Amino acid sequence: MGELELMRTFVRVVERGSLSAVAREAELGQATVSRHLKDLETVVGAALLQRTTRRLALTEAGAQYYERAKIVLGLIEQTHEEIRTSHARPGGVIRLSCTSAFGVLHLCRILFAFQDKYPRMRIDLGLTDERIDLVKDGADLVVRMGTLNDSGLVARRLGQARRVLVASPDYLARHGEPRRPRDLVKHNGIRFAGLAGGGELRLTNGAGKTETVPFGGDFQADLGLALREAFLAGRGLGPAHYWLVADLLEAGRLKIVLPEYRLEPVPFHVLAVPGRTKLARVRLLIDFLANEVAAVPGMIG
C-alpha cells in the first residue's frame, strides 16, 4: 500500500480515536488497519501512536506527523479537485449531516435539485438529531439549528426558523382553545426532549409584551417527526418549527394556537471544517443551500 493511503488511515484513526471505527468506515478488518499503522511507523522510522487496551495516544512524533499529514492530504485533495473542475463539470462526494425531520421534509428535495444541476456530485447524507463532531464523523458539512458553540468551524447563516404553537382541531374541540398565554397551563404540552428551558414558554404579542408561562405534559420526544405525529394524533399542543408542520396547517390537519403571539425564532446555519471550504464542491453546496433554504416555509432572514 502507498504511503499516502497509510497516511490517510493514520489521520482517520487519530480523528476517530478507534481502530475498529476506522475499520468499519473503510470496510476493512481491524487487523488490516493495525497493520497499516505499523507499516507507516516503519516508513517514518518512529512510533506514532501509543496503544493500550483502553485508548490510543499520539506520541510526540505522532502529533507532529498528524499535523503535517492533514496539510498534505488537504493539499492533494484540493489539487485534484481544482484539476477536475478546470477540465470537467464539478463532481465528487460531499458528506452532509442534518436533523432527521428537516432532512426528510425539506433537505432531500434541495439535494436532489443540487444533483440535477451538478450530475457528477455524490451525496452521503447522515440524518440524526444528535450533535455530531464533523472531524470525528468525517462530515464535510452539517446543517444545524440553534445557538452555535463550535469554535473553529466555519459558519454560514441560512436564516431563522419561525416557530408556532399548534394543535389538532380534534384536540382543541375536546379541550378548548386557549385565548391568552396563561390558558396554556390547563393544557397537555408536547415537548422536544432535552431542550434547555423546555419547561416554560415565552410568548410575545404584537405590542412587544412578553409573557412567560409554565409548560409541561405527558409526552416528549427527541425526534421532530415524532412530535409531528403527536400533534396529529391530538395528544396535546406545543411549539413547532413552521417548516415541520406547514403542510399540515395548509391542509387543516393542524391549527395555530394563539396566532397573535410569537415565539423566539431559531437560527439556522451550515457549518464546515475550515479546510473543507477550500474544495469547490463544498463551496458550491454551501451557496446552493443558502439560496434554497431561504425558500423553505417559515424561514425568515
C-alpha atoms as a PDB file:
ATOM      1  CA  MET A   1       0.000   0.000   0.000  1.00  0.00           C
ATOM      2  CA  GLY A   2       1.228   3.515  -0.857  1.00  0.00           C
ATOM      3  CA  GLU A   3       2.376   5.843   1.847  1.00  0.00           C
ATOM      4  CA  LEU A   4      -0.495   8.271   1.122  1.00  0.00           C
ATOM      5  CA  GLU A   5      -3.077   5.599   1.897  1.00  0.00           C
ATOM      6  CA  LEU A   6      -1.209   4.677   5.069  1.00  0.00           C
ATOM      7  CA  MET A   7      -1.226   8.365   5.955  1.00  0.00           C
ATOM      8  CA  ARG A   8      -4.992   8.590   5.381  1.00  0.00           C
ATOM      9  CA  THR A   9      -5.573   5.609   7.638  1.00  0.00           C
ATOM     10  CA  PHE A  10      -3.422   7.139  10.365  1.00  0.00           C
ATOM     11  CA  VAL A  11      -5.237  10.502  10.208  1.00  0.00           C
ATOM     12  CA  ARG A  12      -8.671   8.858  10.431  1.00  0.00           C
ATOM     13  CA  VAL A  13      -7.572   6.705  13.388  1.00  0.00           C
ATOM     14  CA  VAL A  14      -6.428   9.834  15.231  1.00  0.00           C
ATOM     15  CA  GLU A  15      -9.684  11.646  14.422  1.00  0.00           C
ATOM     16  CA  ARG A  16     -11.951   8.747  15.339  1.00  0.00           C
ATOM     17  CA  GLY A  17      -9.854   7.581  18.290  1.00  0.00           C
ATOM     18  CA  SER A  18     -10.597   3.970  17.438  1.00  0.00           C
ATOM     19  CA  LEU A  19      -9.158   1.334  15.100  1.00  0.00           C
ATOM     20  CA  SER A  20     -12.480  -0.517  14.984  1.00  0.00           C
ATOM     21  CA  ALA A  21     -14.393   2.613  13.935  1.00  0.00           C
ATOM     22  CA  VAL A  22     -11.983   3.245  11.065  1.00  0.00           C
ATOM     23  CA  ALA A  23     -12.129  -0.410  10.081  1.00  0.00           C
ATOM     24  CA  ARG A  24     -15.935  -0.214   9.781  1.00  0.00           C
ATOM     25  CA  GLU A  25     -15.706   3.083   7.922  1.00  0.00           C
ATOM     26  CA  ALA A  26     -13.178   1.739   5.391  1.00  0.00           C
ATOM     27  CA  GLU A  27     -14.771  -1.731   5.257  1.00  0.00           C
ATOM     28  CA  LEU A  28     -11.539  -3.362   6.362  1.00  0.00           C
ATOM     29  CA  GLY A  29     -10.638  -5.772   9.113  1.00  0.00           C
ATOM     30  CA  GLN A  30      -9.296  -4.217  12.316  1.00  0.00           C
ATOM     31  CA  ALA A  31      -6.106  -6.267  11.900  1.00  0.00           C
ATOM     32  CA  THR A  32      -5.607  -4.642   8.490  1.00  0.00           C
ATOM     33  CA  VAL A  33      -5.939  -1.139   9.944  1.00  0.00           C
ATOM     34  CA  SER A  34      -3.449  -2.070  12.683  1.00  0.00           C
ATOM     35  CA  ARG A  35      -1.016  -3.364  10.071  1.00  0.00           C
ATOM     36  CA  HIS A  36      -1.332  -0.109   8.096  1.00  0.00           C
ATOM     37  CA  LEU A  37      -0.311   1.838  11.185  1.00  0.00           C
ATOM     38  CA  LYS A  38       2.686  -0.419  11.809  1.00  0.00           C
ATOM     39  CA  ASP A  39       3.727  -0.127   8.148  1.00  0.00           C
ATOM     40  CA  LEU A  40       3.553   3.670   8.370  1.00  0.00           C
ATOM     41  CA  GLU A  41       5.654   3.690  11.539  1.00  0.00           C
ATOM     42  CA  THR A  42       8.208   1.542   9.703  1.00  0.00           C
ATOM     43  CA  VAL A  43       8.295   4.028   6.813  1.00  0.00           C
ATOM     44  CA  VAL A  44       8.569   7.022   9.147  1.00  0.00           C
ATOM     45  CA  GLY A  45      11.047   5.316  11.454  1.00  0.00           C
ATOM     46  CA  ALA A  46       9.303   6.327  14.668  1.00  0.00           C
ATOM     47  CA  ALA A  47       6.390   5.257  16.858  1.00  0.00           C
ATOM     48  CA  LEU A  48       3.361   7.443  16.122  1.00  0.00           C
ATOM     49  CA  LEU A  49       0.772   6.001  18.491  1.00  0.00           C
ATOM     50  CA  GLN A  50       0.835   4.525  21.964  1.00  0.00           C
ATOM     51  CA  ARG A  51      -1.728   1.727  22.128  1.00  0.00           C
ATOM     52  CA  THR A  52      -3.316   0.331  25.277  1.00  0.00           C
ATOM     53  CA  THR A  53      -6.412  -1.808  25.720  1.00  0.00           C
ATOM     54  CA  ARG A  54      -8.405   1.312  26.602  1.00  0.00           C
ATOM     55  CA  ARG A  55      -7.119   4.158  24.445  1.00  0.00           C
ATOM     56  CA  LEU A  56      -4.858   5.472  21.725  1.00  0.00           C
ATOM     57  CA  ALA A  57      -2.495   8.361  22.361  1.00  0.00           C
ATOM     58  CA  LEU A  58      -0.216  10.254  19.999  1.00  0.00           C
ATOM     59  CA  THR A  59       3.489  10.210  20.672  1.00  0.00           C
ATOM     60  CA  GLU A  60       5.396  13.456  20.234  1.00  0.00           C
ATOM     61  CA  ALA A  61       6.435  12.304  16.753  1.00  0.00           C
ATOM     62  CA  GLY A  62       2.855  11.222  16.052  1.00  0.00           C
ATOM     63  CA  ALA A  63       1.435  14.635  16.956  1.00  0.00           C
ATOM     64  CA  GLN A  64       3.920  16.326  14.618  1.00  0.00           C
ATOM     65  CA  TYR A  65       3.225  13.840  11.829  1.00  0.00           C
ATOM     66  CA  TYR A  66      -0.551  14.198  12.238  1.00  0.00           C
ATOM     67  CA  GLU A  67      -0.478  17.994  11.790  1.00  0.00           C
ATOM     68  CA  ARG A  68       1.724  17.734   8.687  1.00  0.00           C
ATOM     69  CA  ALA A  69      -0.305  14.830   7.276  1.00  0.00           C
ATOM     70  CA  LYS A  70      -3.555  16.812   7.464  1.00  0.00           C
ATOM     71  CA  ILE A  71      -1.947  19.601   5.434  1.00  0.00           C
ATOM     72  CA  VAL A  72      -0.524  17.190   2.848  1.00  0.00           C
ATOM     73  CA  LEU A  73      -3.788  15.286   2.372  1.00  0.00           C
ATOM     74  CA  GLY A  74      -5.778  18.517   2.197  1.00  0.00           C
ATOM     75  CA  LEU A  75      -3.493  19.943  -0.481  1.00  0.00           C
ATOM     76  CA  ILE A  76      -3.685  16.741  -2.511  1.00  0.00           C
ATOM     77  CA  GLU A  77      -7.488  16.667  -2.409  1.00  0.00           C
ATOM     78  CA  GLN A  78      -7.716  20.374  -3.233  1.00  0.00           C
ATOM     79  CA  THR A  79      -5.292  19.990  -6.163  1.00  0.00           C
ATOM     80  CA  HIS A  80      -7.194  17.020  -7.572  1.00  0.00           C
ATOM     81  CA  GLU A  81     -10.456  18.920  -7.327  1.00  0.00           C
ATOM     82  CA  GLU A  82      -9.063  22.033  -8.996  1.00  0.00           C
ATOM     83  CA  ILE A  83      -7.780  19.924 -11.896  1.00  0.00           C
ATOM     84  CA  ARG A  84     -11.099  18.082 -12.232  1.00  0.00           C
ATOM     85  CA  THR A  85     -13.198  21.233 -12.153  1.00  0.00           C
ATOM     86  CA  SER A  86     -10.968  23.010 -14.671  1.00  0.00           C
ATOM     87  CA  HIS A  87     -11.421  20.210 -17.203  1.00  0.00           C
ATOM     88  CA  ALA A  88     -14.895  18.937 -16.438  1.00  0.00           C
ATOM     89  CA  ARG A  89     -18.097  19.666 -14.586  1.00  0.00           C
ATOM     90  CA  PRO A  90     -17.785  19.755 -10.755  1.00  0.00           C
ATOM     91  CA  GLY A  91     -18.112  16.410  -9.030  1.00  0.00           C
ATOM     92  CA  GLY A  92     -17.117  14.298  -6.073  1.00  0.00           C
ATOM     93  CA  VAL A  93     -18.533  13.094  -2.764  1.00  0.00           C
ATOM     94  CA  ILE A  94     -19.989  15.500  -0.181  1.00  0.00           C
ATOM     95  CA  ARG A  95     -20.754  14.139   3.276  1.00  0.00           C
ATOM     96  CA  LEU A  96     -23.528  16.114   4.932  1.00  0.00           C
ATOM     97  CA  SER A  97     -25.351  15.779   8.270  1.00  0.00           C
ATOM     98  CA  CYS A  98     -28.713  17.216   9.280  1.00  0.00           C
ATOM     99  CA  THR A  99     -31.572  16.724  11.730  1.00  0.00           C
ATOM    100  CA  SER A 100     -33.930  13.947  10.694  1.00  0.00           C
ATOM    101  CA  ALA A 101     -37.136  15.958  10.319  1.00  0.00           C
ATOM    102  CA  PHE A 102     -35.657  18.802   8.267  1.00  0.00           C
ATOM    103  CA  GLY A 103     -33.675  16.313   6.208  1.00  0.00           C
ATOM    104  CA  VAL A 104     -36.704  14.202   5.305  1.00  0.00           C
ATOM    105  CA  LEU A 105     -39.198  17.034   4.797  1.00  0.00           C
ATOM    106  CA  HIS A 106     -37.016  19.592   3.008  1.00  0.00           C
ATOM    107  CA  LEU A 107     -33.285  18.925   2.632  1.00  0.00           C
ATOM    108  CA  CYS A 108     -33.616  15.807   0.463  1.00  0.00           C
ATOM    109  CA  ARG A 109     -35.583  17.802  -2.110  1.00  0.00           C
ATOM    110  CA  ILE A 110     -32.912  20.530  -2.090  1.00  0.00           C
ATOM    111  CA  LEU A 111     -30.118  17.984  -2.511  1.00  0.00           C
ATOM    112  CA  PHE A 112     -31.931  16.308  -5.422  1.00  0.00           C
ATOM    113  CA  ALA A 113     -32.113  19.697  -7.151  1.00  0.00           C
ATOM    114  CA  PHE A 114     -28.398  20.219  -6.460  1.00  0.00           C
ATOM    115  CA  GLN A 115     -27.564  16.882  -8.076  1.00  0.00           C
ATOM    116  CA  ASP A 116     -29.800  17.688 -11.046  1.00  0.00           C
ATOM    117  CA  LYS A 117     -27.740  20.855 -11.553  1.00  0.00           C
ATOM    118  CA  TYR A 118     -24.417  19.063 -10.926  1.00  0.00           C
ATOM    119  CA  PRO A 119     -24.910  15.429 -12.054  1.00  0.00           C
ATOM    120  CA  ARG A 120     -21.358  14.385 -11.097  1.00  0.00           C
ATOM    121  CA  MET A 121     -21.993  15.192  -7.405  1.00  0.00           C
ATOM    122  CA  ARG A 122     -22.461  12.302  -4.982  1.00  0.00           C
ATOM    123  CA  ILE A 123     -24.220  12.964  -1.680  1.00  0.00           C
ATOM    124  CA  ASP A 124     -23.701  10.982   1.531  1.00  0.00           C
ATOM    125  CA  LEU A 125     -26.437  12.263   3.866  1.00  0.00           C
ATOM    126  CA  GLY A 126     -26.498  11.381   7.551  1.00  0.00           C
ATOM    127  CA  LEU A 127     -29.691  12.140   9.475  1.00  0.00           C
ATOM    128  CA  THR A 128     -29.531  12.456  13.256  1.00  0.00           C
ATOM    129  CA  ASP A 129     -30.931  14.771  15.912  1.00  0.00           C
ATOM    130  CA  GLU A 130     -27.712  14.402  17.929  1.00  0.00           C
ATOM    131  CA  ARG A 131     -24.921  16.920  17.516  1.00  0.00           C
ATOM    132  CA  ILE A 132     -22.043  15.380  15.624  1.00  0.00           C
ATOM    133  CA  ASP A 133     -18.321  16.103  15.580  1.00  0.00           C
ATOM    134  CA  LEU A 134     -17.598  16.980  11.945  1.00  0.00           C
ATOM    135  CA  VAL A 135     -13.959  15.883  12.107  1.00  0.00           C
ATOM    136  CA  LYS A 136     -14.557  12.690  14.054  1.00  0.00           C
ATOM    137  CA  ASP A 137     -17.539  11.652  11.933  1.00  0.00           C
ATOM    138  CA  GLY A 138     -15.868  12.561   8.646  1.00  0.00           C
ATOM    139  CA  ALA A 139     -18.554  15.036   7.522  1.00  0.00           C
ATOM    140  CA  ASP A 140     -17.891  17.983   5.207  1.00  0.00           C
ATOM    141  CA  LEU A 141     -20.940  19.981   6.288  1.00  0.00           C
ATOM    142  CA  VAL A 142     -23.676  19.952   8.913  1.00  0.00           C
ATOM    143  CA  VAL A 143     -26.955  21.878   8.826  1.00  0.00           C
ATOM    144  CA  ARG A 144     -27.628  22.897  12.400  1.00  0.00           C
ATOM    145  CA  MET A 145     -30.391  24.704  14.286  1.00  0.00           C
ATOM    146  CA  GLY A 146     -29.902  26.662  17.483  1.00  0.00           C
ATOM    147  CA  THR A 147     -27.127  28.640  19.123  1.00  0.00           C
ATOM    148  CA  LEU A 148     -23.631  27.892  17.876  1.00  0.00           C
ATOM    149  CA  ASN A 149     -20.912  26.856  20.307  1.00  0.00           C
ATOM    150  CA  ASP A 150     -18.464  25.070  17.991  1.00  0.00           C
ATOM    151  CA  SER A 151     -15.240  27.060  17.942  1.00  0.00           C
ATOM    152  CA  GLY A 152     -13.007  26.547  14.952  1.00  0.00           C
ATOM    153  CA  LEU A 153     -15.810  25.788  12.484  1.00  0.00           C
ATOM    154  CA  VAL A 154     -16.800  27.959   9.524  1.00  0.00           C
ATOM    155  CA  ALA A 155     -20.462  29.012   9.750  1.00  0.00           C
ATOM    156  CA  ARG A 156     -22.760  30.355   7.035  1.00  0.00           C
ATOM    157  CA  ARG A 157     -26.080  31.715   8.267  1.00  0.00           C
ATOM    158  CA  LEU A 158     -29.055  30.303   6.375  1.00  0.00           C
ATOM    159  CA  GLY A 159     -31.721  32.306   8.201  1.00  0.00           C
ATOM    160  CA  GLN A 160     -34.038  31.833  11.155  1.00  0.00           C
ATOM    161  CA  ALA A 161     -36.836  29.300  11.554  1.00  0.00           C
ATOM    162  CA  ARG A 162     -40.183  30.711  12.651  1.00  0.00           C
ATOM    163  CA  ARG A 163     -41.927  28.741  15.419  1.00  0.00           C
ATOM    164  CA  VAL A 164     -45.648  28.499  16.147  1.00  0.00           C
ATOM    165  CA  LEU A 165     -47.892  26.876  18.750  1.00  0.00           C
ATOM    166  CA  VAL A 166     -50.004  24.147  17.153  1.00  0.00           C
ATOM    167  CA  ALA A 167     -52.647  21.573  17.992  1.00  0.00           C
ATOM    168  CA  SER A 168     -55.075  19.419  16.069  1.00  0.00           C
ATOM    169  CA  PRO A 169     -58.673  20.646  15.608  1.00  0.00           C
ATOM    170  CA  ASP A 170     -59.793  17.479  17.406  1.00  0.00           C
ATOM    171  CA  TYR A 171     -57.675  18.266  20.467  1.00  0.00           C
ATOM    172  CA  LEU A 172     -58.971  21.850  20.597  1.00  0.00           C
ATOM    173  CA  ALA A 173     -62.582  20.676  20.220  1.00  0.00           C
ATOM    174  CA  ARG A 174     -62.125  18.360  23.208  1.00  0.00           C
ATOM    175  CA  HIS A 175     -60.136  20.662  25.480  1.00  0.00           C
ATOM    176  CA  GLY A 176     -60.996  24.183  24.365  1.00  0.00           C
ATOM    177  CA  GLU A 177     -58.862  26.720  22.546  1.00  0.00           C
ATOM    178  CA  PRO A 178     -56.510  28.939  24.612  1.00  0.00           C
ATOM    179  CA  ARG A 179     -57.334  32.651  24.352  1.00  0.00           C
ATOM    180  CA  ARG A 180     -54.337  34.019  26.249  1.00  0.00           C
ATOM    181  CA  PRO A 181     -50.937  32.622  27.320  1.00  0.00           C
ATOM    182  CA  ARG A 182     -51.975  31.770  30.892  1.00  0.00           C
ATOM    183  CA  ASP A 183     -54.618  29.399  29.492  1.00  0.00           C
ATOM    184  CA  LEU A 184     -51.797  27.105  28.335  1.00  0.00           C
ATOM    185  CA  VAL A 185     -51.222  25.809  31.869  1.00  0.00           C
ATOM    186  CA  LYS A 186     -54.546  23.917  31.580  1.00  0.00           C
ATOM    187  CA  HIS A 187     -53.372  22.018  28.500  1.00  0.00           C
ATOM    188  CA  ASN A 188     -51.206  18.981  27.863  1.00  0.00           C
ATOM    189  CA  GLY A 189     -47.879  20.030  26.365  1.00  0.00           C
ATOM    190  CA  ILE A 190     -45.966  18.213  23.625  1.00  0.00           C
ATOM    191  CA  ARG A 191     -42.253  18.942  24.084  1.00  0.00           C
ATOM    192  CA  PHE A 192     -38.920  18.347  22.413  1.00  0.00           C
ATOM    193  CA  ALA A 193     -36.776  16.339  24.844  1.00  0.00           C
ATOM    194  CA  GLY A 194     -33.543  17.825  26.106  1.00  0.00           C
ATOM    195  CA  LEU A 195     -34.349  21.384  25.050  1.00  0.00           C
ATOM    196  CA  ALA A 196     -32.994  23.938  27.528  1.00  0.00           C
ATOM    197  CA  GLY A 197     -35.828  25.921  29.076  1.00  0.00           C
ATOM    198  CA  GLY A 198     -38.419  23.456  27.786  1.00  0.00           C
ATOM    199  CA  GLY A 199     -40.428  23.758  30.993  1.00  0.00           C
ATOM    200  CA  GLU A 200     -41.762  27.170  30.049  1.00  0.00           C
ATOM    201  CA  LEU A 201     -42.887  29.169  27.033  1.00  0.00           C
ATOM    202  CA  ARG A 202     -42.051  32.790  26.238  1.00  0.00           C
ATOM    203  CA  LEU A 203     -44.641  34.423  24.011  1.00  0.00           C
ATOM    204  CA  THR A 204     -44.558  37.980  22.668  1.00  0.00           C
ATOM    205  CA  ASN A 205     -47.577  39.862  21.333  1.00  0.00           C
ATOM    206  CA  GLY A 206     -47.701  42.470  18.586  1.00  0.00           C
ATOM    207  CA  ALA A 207     -47.103  45.266  21.082  1.00  0.00           C
ATOM    208  CA  GLY A 208     -43.846  43.655  22.168  1.00  0.00           C
ATOM    209  CA  LYS A 209     -45.083  42.485  25.555  1.00  0.00           C
ATOM    210  CA  THR A 210     -43.602  39.107  26.553  1.00  0.00           C
ATOM    211  CA  GLU A 211     -45.307  36.621  28.859  1.00  0.00           C
ATOM    212  CA  THR A 212     -43.628  33.511  30.292  1.00  0.00           C
ATOM    213  CA  VAL A 213     -45.848  30.613  31.301  1.00  0.00           C
ATOM    214  CA  PRO A 214     -45.128  27.127  32.673  1.00  0.00           C
ATOM    215  CA  PHE A 215     -45.317  24.393  30.077  1.00  0.00           C
ATOM    216  CA  GLY A 216     -45.482  20.650  30.688  1.00  0.00           C
ATOM    217  CA  GLY A 217     -47.201  17.479  29.633  1.00  0.00           C
ATOM    218  CA  ASP A 218     -47.120  13.713  29.390  1.00  0.00           C
ATOM    219  CA  PHE A 219     -45.283  13.309  26.078  1.00  0.00           C
ATOM    220  CA  GLN A 220     -41.868  14.416  24.861  1.00  0.00           C
ATOM    221  CA  ALA A 221     -39.582  13.079  22.132  1.00  0.00           C
ATOM    222  CA  ASP A 222     -36.095  13.709  20.803  1.00  0.00           C
ATOM    223  CA  LEU A 223     -37.186  13.499  17.151  1.00  0.00           C
ATOM    224  CA  GLY A 224     -39.131  16.206  15.360  1.00  0.00           C
ATOM    225  CA  LEU A 225     -41.060  13.688  13.251  1.00  0.00           C
ATOM    226  CA  ALA A 226     -42.362  12.061  16.448  1.00  0.00           C
ATOM    227  CA  LEU A 227     -43.655  15.426  17.707  1.00  0.00           C
ATOM    228  CA  ARG A 228     -45.403  15.924  14.381  1.00  0.00           C
ATOM    229  CA  GLU A 229     -47.189  12.601  14.846  1.00  0.00           C
ATOM    230  CA  ALA A 230     -48.160  13.510  18.420  1.00  0.00           C
ATOM    231  CA  PHE A 231     -49.759  16.763  17.280  1.00  0.00           C
ATOM    232  CA  LEU A 232     -51.651  14.926  14.535  1.00  0.00           C
ATOM    233  CA  ALA A 233     -52.880  12.305  16.999  1.00  0.00           C
ATOM    234  CA  GLY A 234     -54.405  15.014  19.190  1.00  0.00           C
ATOM    235  CA  ARG A 235     -52.134  14.267  22.156  1.00  0.00           C
ATOM    236  CA  GLY A 236     -51.689  17.914  23.085  1.00  0.00           C
ATOM    237  CA  LEU A 237     -50.390  21.268  21.904  1.00  0.00           C
ATOM    238  CA  GLY A 238     -46.910  22.713  21.715  1.00  0.00           C
ATOM    239  CA  PRO A 239     -44.324  24.735  19.813  1.00  0.00           C
ATOM    240  CA  ALA A 240     -43.153  23.555  16.403  1.00  0.00           C
ATOM    241  CA  HIS A 241     -40.931  24.858  13.650  1.00  0.00           C
ATOM    242  CA  TYR A 242     -43.233  26.170  10.926  1.00  0.00           C
ATOM    243  CA  TRP A 243     -41.351  24.099   8.330  1.00  0.00           C
ATOM    244  CA  LEU A 244     -42.173  20.963  10.365  1.00  0.00           C
ATOM    245  CA  VAL A 245     -45.939  21.465  10.144  1.00  0.00           C
ATOM    246  CA  ALA A 246     -46.528  23.832   7.194  1.00  0.00           C
ATOM    247  CA  ASP A 247     -48.211  21.180   5.024  1.00  0.00           C
ATOM    248  CA  LEU A 248     -50.436  20.057   7.899  1.00  0.00           C
ATOM    249  CA  LEU A 249     -51.513  23.627   8.627  1.00  0.00           C
ATOM    250  CA  GLU A 250     -52.323  24.217   4.969  1.00  0.00           C
ATOM    251  CA  ALA A 251     -54.387  21.003   4.855  1.00  0.00           C
ATOM    252  CA  GLY A 252     -56.281  21.968   8.025  1.00  0.00           C
ATOM    253  CA  ARG A 253     -54.997  18.949   9.943  1.00  0.00           C
ATOM    254  CA  LEU A 254     -53.336  21.235  12.492  1.00  0.00           C
ATOM    255  CA  LYS A 255     -54.196  24.742  13.668  1.00  0.00           C
ATOM    256  CA  ILE A 256     -52.064  27.595  15.011  1.00  0.00           C
ATOM    257  CA  VAL A 257     -52.839  28.374  18.652  1.00  0.00           C
ATOM    258  CA  LEU A 258     -52.612  31.983  19.924  1.00  0.00           C
ATOM    259  CA  PRO A 259     -51.743  33.301  16.438  1.00  0.00           C
ATOM    260  CA  GLU A 260     -51.390  36.867  17.743  1.00  0.00           C
ATOM    261  CA  TYR A 261     -48.373  35.773  19.806  1.00  0.00           C
ATOM    262  CA  ARG A 262     -44.941  34.768  18.531  1.00  0.00           C
ATOM    263  CA  LEU A 263     -42.187  32.516  19.813  1.00  0.00           C
ATOM    264  CA  GLU A 264     -38.475  33.279  19.503  1.00  0.00           C
ATOM    265  CA  PRO A 265     -37.208  32.058  16.095  1.00  0.00           C
ATOM    266  CA  VAL A 266     -34.339  29.565  15.908  1.00  0.00           C
ATOM    267  CA  PRO A 267     -31.109  30.354  13.969  1.00  0.00           C
ATOM    268  CA  PHE A 268     -30.192  28.090  11.048  1.00  0.00           C
ATOM    269  CA  HIS A 269     -26.563  27.599   9.928  1.00  0.00           C
ATOM    270  CA  VAL A 270     -24.473  25.352   7.757  1.00  0.00           C
ATOM    271  CA  LEU A 271     -21.143  24.523   9.400  1.00  0.00           C
ATOM    272  CA  ALA A 272     -17.909  23.250   7.888  1.00  0.00           C
ATOM    273  CA  VAL A 273     -14.407  22.351   8.970  1.00  0.00           C
ATOM    274  CA  PRO A 274     -12.263  25.260   7.651  1.00  0.00           C
ATOM    275  CA  GLY A 275     -10.163  23.117   5.319  1.00  0.00           C
ATOM    276  CA  ARG A 276     -13.235  21.659   3.580  1.00  0.00           C
ATOM    277  CA  THR A 277     -14.427  25.064   2.382  1.00  0.00           C
ATOM    278  CA  LYS A 278     -11.406  25.175   0.055  1.00  0.00           C
ATOM    279  CA  LEU A 279     -12.998  22.406  -2.025  1.00  0.00           C
ATOM    280  CA  ALA A 280     -15.080  23.667  -4.935  1.00  0.00           C
ATOM    281  CA  ARG A 281     -17.814  21.064  -4.478  1.00  0.00           C
ATOM    282  CA  VAL A 282     -18.287  22.043  -0.827  1.00  0.00           C
ATOM    283  CA  ARG A 283     -18.438  25.752  -1.654  1.00  0.00           C
ATOM    284  CA  LEU A 284     -20.995  25.063  -4.382  1.00  0.00           C
ATOM    285  CA  LEU A 285     -23.278  23.207  -1.991  1.00  0.00           C
ATOM    286  CA  ILE A 286     -22.973  25.885   0.713  1.00  0.00           C
ATOM    287  CA  ASP A 287     -24.041  28.549  -1.802  1.00  0.00           C
ATOM    288  CA  PHE A 288     -26.861  26.348  -3.061  1.00  0.00           C
ATOM    289  CA  LEU A 289     -28.132  25.729   0.464  1.00  0.00           C
ATOM    290  CA  ALA A 290     -28.021  29.443   1.302  1.00  0.00           C
ATOM    291  CA  ASN A 291     -30.283  30.148  -1.661  1.00  0.00           C
ATOM    292  CA  GLU A 292     -32.690  27.209  -1.379  1.00  0.00           C
ATOM    293  CA  VAL A 293     -33.182  27.032   2.403  1.00  0.00           C
ATOM    294  CA  ALA A 294     -34.394  30.641   2.331  1.00  0.00           C
ATOM    295  CA  ALA A 295     -37.414  29.395   0.352  1.00  0.00           C
ATOM    296  CA  VAL A 296     -38.416  26.751   2.928  1.00  0.00           C
ATOM    297  CA  PRO A 297     -41.770  27.629   4.597  1.00  0.00           C
ATOM    298  CA  GLY A 298     -41.294  29.654   7.760  1.00  0.00           C
ATOM    299  CA  MET A 299     -37.706  30.692   7.116  1.00  0.00           C
ATOM    300  CA  ILE A 300     -37.009  34.360   7.768  1.00  0.00           C
ATOM    301  CA  GLY A 301     -33.897  36.460   7.278  1.00  0.00           C
END
